[in-house]
Each structure stands twice: as C-alpha cells, then as structure tokens.
C-alpha cells in the first residue's frame, strides 16, 4: 500500500510539473504543437 501511495505521488508531481510548464511557457506549447503537426 505504501508503494502505491509513493507511485501515485510521484506520477502526480510529474503531471503537476508538466501542466505548470505548459501553463507558464506558451512557447514550449507552440513548439510541441507545431512539431506534432509536422510529424503527422
């Protein structure tokens, strides 16, 4: 059970950091969107 809580916290922090980067760095979001469109 403890391992499950630790993994949940770890993934939660990763998602939180990723969301904050996308929220406060629009340049990174534009680059990723344009790269995705070029690849497909």
Protein backbone atom coordinates (compact mmCIF):
# COMPACT_ATOMS: atom_id res chain seq x y z
CA UNK A 1 0.00 0.00 0.00
CA UNK A 2 2.84 2.37 0.82
CA UNK A 3 4.45 1.71 -2.56
CA UNK A 4 1.15 2.51 -4.29
CA UNK A 5 0.92 5.84 -2.43
CA UNK A 6 4.52 6.70 -3.32
CA UNK A 7 4.00 5.89 -7.00
CA UNK A 8 0.78 7.90 -7.08
CA UNK A 9 2.55 10.87 -5.51
CA UNK A 10 5.45 10.58 -7.95
CA UNK A 11 3.21 10.50 -11.02
CA UNK A 12 1.07 13.28 -9.57
CA UNK A 13 4.11 15.52 -9.19
CA UNK A 14 5.26 14.74 -12.73
CA UNK A 15 1.84 15.65 -14.13
CA UNK A 16 1.72 18.81 -11.99
CA UNK A 17 5.14 20.00 -13.20
CA UNK A 18 4.24 19.21 -16.82
CA UNK A 19 0.97 21.16 -16.51
CA UNK A 20 2.74 24.14 -14.94
CA UNK A 21 5.35 24.19 -17.72
CA UNK A 22 2.62 24.20 -20.39
CA UNK A 23 0.65 26.86 -18.47
CA UNK A 24 3.51 29.32 -17.97
CA UNK A 25 5.63 28.62 -21.08
CA UNK A 26 3.41 29.11 -24.16
CA UNK A 27 6.49 28.99 -26.41
CA UNK A 28 7.12 25.36 -25.42
CA UNK A 29 3.46 24.55 -26.09
CA UNK A 30 3.56 26.12 -29.57
CA UNK A 31 6.76 24.27 -30.45
CA UNK A 32 5.32 20.91 -29.38
CA UNK A 33 2.07 21.53 -31.28
CA UNK A 34 3.85 22.55 -34.49
CA UNK A 35 6.23 19.58 -34.18
CA UNK A 36 3.29 17.21 -33.75
CA UNK A 37 1.55 18.61 -36.82
CA UNK A 38 4.70 18.30 -38.96
CA UNK A 39 5.25 14.69 -37.84
CA UNK A 40 1.72 13.53 -38.72
